[in-house]
Amino acid sequence: MGIVLTLDVMLARRKMRSRELAAEIGVTEANLSLLKQGRVKGVRFETLARLCAALDCQPGDLLHYAKDNADPADRARDV
């Protein structure tokens, strides 16, 4: 699996909606949805910085390394 973006977890912790976050960081809701689903090949540092500023977190709070054979439920517990 590699690097997993745990944006949905941080949004829940901050009680923020995707729509609000998308507007605050200047991306479309569709692109934010792709990020949340892990359907992107990469994230620009500028976008990552905006995410961290909006969510008041560090990059490590959003990024998680998962081994290829890890159960998705284990990833959610680790975050």
Protein backbone atom coordinates (compact mmCIF):
# COMPACT_ATOMS: atom_id res chain seq x y z
CA MET A 1 0.00 0.00 0.00
CA GLY A 2 2.79 2.46 0.81
CA ILE A 3 1.93 5.95 2.02
CA VAL A 4 -1.69 6.51 3.04
CA LEU A 5 -3.24 9.94 3.49
CA THR A 6 -5.48 9.83 6.57
CA LEU A 7 -7.28 13.05 5.79
CA ASP A 8 -10.71 11.66 6.67
CA VAL A 9 -9.53 10.86 10.19
CA MET A 10 -8.18 14.37 10.74
CA LEU A 11 -11.35 15.94 9.35
CA ALA A 12 -13.39 13.93 11.84
CA ARG A 13 -11.11 14.93 14.71
CA ARG A 14 -11.45 18.60 13.76
CA LYS A 15 -15.20 18.25 13.13
CA MET A 16 -14.73 19.87 9.76
CA ARG A 17 -16.54 19.10 6.53
CA SER A 18 -14.72 18.39 3.30
CA ARG A 19 -16.47 21.32 1.65
CA GLU A 20 -15.11 23.75 4.28
CA LEU A 21 -11.58 22.39 3.97
CA ALA A 22 -11.63 22.49 0.18
CA ALA A 23 -12.67 26.15 0.22
CA GLU A 24 -10.06 27.04 2.84
CA ILE A 25 -7.12 25.45 1.04
CA GLY A 26 -8.20 26.41 -2.47
CA VAL A 27 -8.86 23.03 -4.10
CA THR A 28 -12.01 21.63 -5.62
CA GLU A 29 -14.18 19.29 -3.61
CA ALA A 30 -13.56 16.66 -6.28
CA ASN A 31 -9.78 16.87 -5.83
CA LEU A 32 -10.12 16.77 -2.05
CA SER A 33 -12.30 13.69 -2.41
CA LEU A 34 -9.60 12.01 -4.51
CA LEU A 35 -7.07 12.80 -1.77
CA LYS A 36 -9.33 11.32 0.90
CA GLN A 37 -9.83 8.16 -1.13
CA GLY A 38 -6.12 7.73 -1.79
CA ARG A 39 -6.60 7.93 -5.55
CA VAL A 40 -3.72 10.31 -6.15
CA LYS A 41 -0.12 9.48 -6.98
CA GLY A 42 1.30 12.43 -5.06
CA VAL A 43 0.61 15.57 -3.09
CA ARG A 44 2.39 18.87 -3.63
CA PHE A 45 4.20 20.23 -0.60
CA GLU A 46 2.25 23.46 -1.00
CA THR A 47 -1.03 21.55 -0.76
CA LEU A 48 0.24 19.56 2.20
CA ALA A 49 1.26 22.80 3.93
CA ARG A 50 -2.20 24.28 3.33
CA LEU A 51 -3.82 21.13 4.71
CA CYS A 52 -1.67 21.30 7.81
CA ALA A 53 -2.39 24.99 8.34
CA ALA A 54 -6.16 24.53 7.92
CA LEU A 55 -6.28 21.46 10.16
CA ASP A 56 -3.70 22.73 12.67
CA CYS A 57 -1.60 19.59 12.39
CA GLN A 58 1.76 18.27 11.24
CA PRO A 59 2.38 16.32 8.00
CA GLY A 60 2.90 13.18 10.08
CA ASP A 61 -0.66 13.51 11.36
CA LEU A 62 -1.93 13.14 7.80
CA LEU A 63 0.52 10.64 6.32
CA HIS A 64 0.83 7.05 7.41
CA TYR A 65 3.03 4.22 6.12
CA ALA A 66 1.23 0.92 5.65
CA LYS A 67 2.87 -2.33 4.68
CA ASP A 68 1.51 -3.97 1.55
CA ASN A 69 -0.15 -6.77 3.48
CA ALA A 70 -1.63 -4.60 6.25
CA ASP A 71 -5.35 -4.83 6.95
CA PRO A 72 -7.13 -1.48 6.29
CA ALA A 73 -8.75 -1.74 9.74
CA ASP A 74 -5.26 -1.83 11.30
CA ARG A 75 -4.34 1.42 9.54
CA ALA A 76 -7.35 3.20 11.02
CA ARG A 77 -6.43 2.00 14.53
CA ASP A 78 -2.81 3.09 14.18
CA VAL A 79 -3.75 6.69 13.39
